[in-house]
Amino acid sequence: MQQSRPGRSAILAPGGGSSADVPLLMYARLAVQRRGGQAHPILQRAAGPCGTADQFWDRQAARAITPHVVEIDGADHGMLVPGRLAASAAVLGHVITAVEDFLDRVVWP
């Protein structure tokens, strides 16, 4: 792990009543820490189960705000996809690679 670098922080915002300990956010936290940053999770209270699609998601609005949007068809809120678990692990790898690329190219180049 890299030495802490002042001014490098990231907020981890879990959704669906999850915590920042779910695999996707755990790896995002590690990505920030390996770049000398501090991760600050937002604590969530438990809520009902999440479905496979967010009815409020607006792809066009998201892309109008930033081009750095990763969408995985068929994935639920935890980035799990139907079928073999290896497919969900591959999705996790794809998404966290996008997080690392975003940190390295946009946030802290």
C-alpha atoms as a PDB file:
ATOM      1  CA  MET A   1       0.000   0.000   0.000  1.00  0.00           C
ATOM      2  CA  GLN A   2       1.167   3.511  -0.819  1.00  0.00           C
ATOM      3  CA  GLN A   3       1.913   6.110   1.784  1.00  0.00           C
ATOM      4  CA  SER A   4      -0.993   8.412   2.614  1.00  0.00           C
ATOM      5  CA  ARG A   5      -1.171  11.474   0.383  1.00  0.00           C
ATOM      6  CA  PRO A   6      -2.923  14.510   1.886  1.00  0.00           C
ATOM      7  CA  GLY A   7      -5.954  15.723  -0.003  1.00  0.00           C
ATOM      8  CA  ARG A   8      -6.832  12.376  -1.526  1.00  0.00           C
ATOM      9  CA  SER A   9     -10.222  11.250  -0.289  1.00  0.00           C
ATOM     10  CA  ALA A  10     -13.178   9.363  -1.659  1.00  0.00           C
ATOM     11  CA  ILE A  11     -16.690   8.924  -0.324  1.00  0.00           C
ATOM     12  CA  LEU A  12     -18.119   5.424  -0.627  1.00  0.00           C
ATOM     13  CA  ALA A  13     -21.890   5.550  -0.860  1.00  0.00           C
ATOM     14  CA  PRO A  14     -23.523   2.139  -0.677  1.00  0.00           C
ATOM     15  CA  GLY A  15     -27.072   1.764  -1.816  1.00  0.00           C
ATOM     16  CA  GLY A  16     -29.974  -0.491  -1.115  1.00  0.00           C
ATOM     17  CA  GLY A  17     -29.286  -0.698   2.597  1.00  0.00           C
ATOM     18  CA  SER A  18     -25.832  -2.225   1.997  1.00  0.00           C
ATOM     19  CA  SER A  19     -22.648  -1.333   3.767  1.00  0.00           C
ATOM     20  CA  ALA A  20     -19.300  -0.311   2.335  1.00  0.00           C
ATOM     21  CA  ASP A  21     -18.139  -3.876   3.017  1.00  0.00           C
ATOM     22  CA  VAL A  22     -19.872  -5.348  -0.041  1.00  0.00           C
ATOM     23  CA  PRO A  23     -17.287  -6.620  -2.536  1.00  0.00           C
ATOM     24  CA  LEU A  24     -17.598  -3.774  -5.035  1.00  0.00           C
ATOM     25  CA  LEU A  25     -17.092  -1.049  -2.438  1.00  0.00           C
ATOM     26  CA  MET A  26     -14.441  -3.058  -0.584  1.00  0.00           C
ATOM     27  CA  TYR A  27     -12.372  -3.131  -3.779  1.00  0.00           C
ATOM     28  CA  ALA A  28     -13.098   0.549  -4.454  1.00  0.00           C
ATOM     29  CA  ARG A  29     -11.834   1.341  -0.944  1.00  0.00           C
ATOM     30  CA  LEU A  30      -8.662  -0.660  -1.627  1.00  0.00           C
ATOM     31  CA  ALA A  31      -8.178   1.144  -4.958  1.00  0.00           C
ATOM     32  CA  VAL A  32      -8.324   4.501  -3.166  1.00  0.00           C
ATOM     33  CA  GLN A  33      -6.024   3.345  -0.363  1.00  0.00           C
ATOM     34  CA  ARG A  34      -3.452   1.903  -2.788  1.00  0.00           C
ATOM     35  CA  ARG A  35      -3.249   5.350  -4.338  1.00  0.00           C
ATOM     36  CA  GLY A  36      -2.568   6.984  -0.985  1.00  0.00           C
ATOM     37  CA  GLY A  37      -6.116   8.188  -0.417  1.00  0.00           C
ATOM     38  CA  GLN A  38      -8.566   7.837   2.427  1.00  0.00           C
ATOM     39  CA  ALA A  39     -11.967   6.260   1.891  1.00  0.00           C
ATOM     40  CA  HIS A  40     -14.923   7.558   3.875  1.00  0.00           C
ATOM     41  CA  PRO A  41     -17.922   5.219   3.830  1.00  0.00           C
ATOM     42  CA  ILE A  42     -21.421   6.524   4.388  1.00  0.00           C
ATOM     43  CA  LEU A  43     -23.234   4.299   6.848  1.00  0.00           C
ATOM     44  CA  GLN A  44     -26.581   2.969   5.676  1.00  0.00           C
ATOM     45  CA  ARG A  45     -29.456   1.456   7.587  1.00  0.00           C
ATOM     46  CA  ALA A  46     -30.809  -1.874   6.420  1.00  0.00           C
ATOM     47  CA  ALA A  47     -33.602  -1.673   3.908  1.00  0.00           C
ATOM     48  CA  GLY A  48     -35.586  -4.066   1.806  1.00  0.00           C
ATOM     49  CA  PRO A  49     -34.001  -6.152  -0.934  1.00  0.00           C
ATOM     50  CA  CYS A  50     -32.908  -4.487  -4.145  1.00  0.00           C
ATOM     51  CA  GLY A  51     -34.209  -5.591  -7.488  1.00  0.00           C
ATOM     52  CA  THR A  52     -32.309  -6.095 -10.679  1.00  0.00           C
ATOM     53  CA  ALA A  53     -33.178  -2.697 -12.106  1.00  0.00           C
ATOM     54  CA  ASP A  54     -33.417   0.776 -10.654  1.00  0.00           C
ATOM     55  CA  GLN A  55     -36.675   2.336 -11.827  1.00  0.00           C
ATOM     56  CA  PHE A  56     -35.197   5.798 -11.321  1.00  0.00           C
ATOM     57  CA  TRP A  57     -32.043   5.178 -13.373  1.00  0.00           C
ATOM     58  CA  ASP A  58     -31.848   7.507 -16.342  1.00  0.00           C
ATOM     59  CA  ARG A  59     -29.018   6.520 -18.665  1.00  0.00           C
ATOM     60  CA  GLN A  60     -29.176   9.737 -20.696  1.00  0.00           C
ATOM     61  CA  ALA A  61     -29.150  11.957 -17.602  1.00  0.00           C
ATOM     62  CA  ALA A  62     -26.196  10.056 -16.140  1.00  0.00           C
ATOM     63  CA  ARG A  63     -24.176  10.351 -19.337  1.00  0.00           C
ATOM     64  CA  ALA A  64     -25.039  14.067 -19.588  1.00  0.00           C
ATOM     65  CA  ILE A  65     -23.411  14.551 -16.176  1.00  0.00           C
ATOM     66  CA  THR A  66     -20.324  12.435 -16.853  1.00  0.00           C
ATOM     67  CA  PRO A  67     -19.002  10.084 -19.517  1.00  0.00           C
ATOM     68  CA  HIS A  68     -17.639   7.860 -16.725  1.00  0.00           C
ATOM     69  CA  VAL A  69     -20.652   5.593 -16.368  1.00  0.00           C
ATOM     70  CA  VAL A  70     -20.382   1.814 -16.250  1.00  0.00           C
ATOM     71  CA  GLU A  71     -23.581  -0.112 -16.895  1.00  0.00           C
ATOM     72  CA  ILE A  72     -23.893  -3.882 -16.682  1.00  0.00           C
ATOM     73  CA  ASP A  73     -27.010  -5.296 -18.337  1.00  0.00           C
ATOM     74  CA  GLY A  74     -28.850  -7.752 -16.121  1.00  0.00           C
ATOM     75  CA  ALA A  75     -26.811  -6.980 -12.998  1.00  0.00           C
ATOM     76  CA  ASP A  76     -28.529  -6.354  -9.701  1.00  0.00           C
ATOM     77  CA  HIS A  77     -27.487  -3.696  -7.210  1.00  0.00           C
ATOM     78  CA  GLY A  78     -24.656  -5.936  -5.966  1.00  0.00           C
ATOM     79  CA  MET A  79     -23.339  -6.442  -9.528  1.00  0.00           C
ATOM     80  CA  LEU A  80     -24.526 -10.048  -9.540  1.00  0.00           C
ATOM     81  CA  VAL A  81     -25.695 -11.367 -12.887  1.00  0.00           C
ATOM     82  CA  PRO A  82     -27.767 -14.473 -13.609  1.00  0.00           C
ATOM     83  CA  GLY A  83     -25.948 -17.709 -14.343  1.00  0.00           C
ATOM     84  CA  ARG A  84     -22.631 -18.988 -13.089  1.00  0.00           C
ATOM     85  CA  LEU A  85     -20.940 -17.102 -10.270  1.00  0.00           C
ATOM     86  CA  ALA A  86     -17.804 -16.688 -12.361  1.00  0.00           C
ATOM     87  CA  ALA A  87     -19.800 -14.312 -14.574  1.00  0.00           C
ATOM     88  CA  SER A  88     -20.538 -12.116 -11.548  1.00  0.00           C
ATOM     89  CA  ALA A  89     -16.870 -12.224 -10.528  1.00  0.00           C
ATOM     90  CA  ALA A  90     -15.945 -11.093 -14.054  1.00  0.00           C
ATOM     91  CA  VAL A  91     -18.434  -8.204 -13.768  1.00  0.00           C
ATOM     92  CA  LEU A  92     -16.840  -7.186 -10.478  1.00  0.00           C
ATOM     93  CA  GLY A  93     -13.414  -7.230 -12.146  1.00  0.00           C
ATOM     94  CA  HIS A  94     -14.705  -5.127 -15.038  1.00  0.00           C
ATOM     95  CA  VAL A  95     -16.281  -2.528 -12.752  1.00  0.00           C
ATOM     96  CA  ILE A  96     -13.339  -2.204 -10.365  1.00  0.00           C
ATOM     97  CA  THR A  97     -10.962  -1.851 -13.335  1.00  0.00           C
ATOM     98  CA  ALA A  98     -13.141   1.057 -14.480  1.00  0.00           C
ATOM     99  CA  VAL A  99     -12.871   2.531 -10.947  1.00  0.00           C
ATOM    100  CA  GLU A 100      -9.068   2.228 -11.007  1.00  0.00           C
ATOM    101  CA  ASP A 101      -8.879   3.755 -14.484  1.00  0.00           C
ATOM    102  CA  PHE A 102     -11.098   6.628 -13.339  1.00  0.00           C
ATOM    103  CA  LEU A 103      -8.889   7.277 -10.303  1.00  0.00           C
ATOM    104  CA  ASP A 104      -5.680   7.099 -12.364  1.00  0.00           C
ATOM    105  CA  ARG A 105      -6.814   9.096 -15.401  1.00  0.00           C
ATOM    106  CA  VAL A 106      -9.354  11.576 -14.042  1.00  0.00           C
ATOM    107  CA  VAL A 107      -9.135  12.032 -10.284  1.00  0.00           C
ATOM    108  CA  TRP A 108      -5.418  11.662  -9.505  1.00  0.00           C
ATOM    109  CA  PRO A 109      -3.516  11.499 -12.825  1.00  0.00           C
END
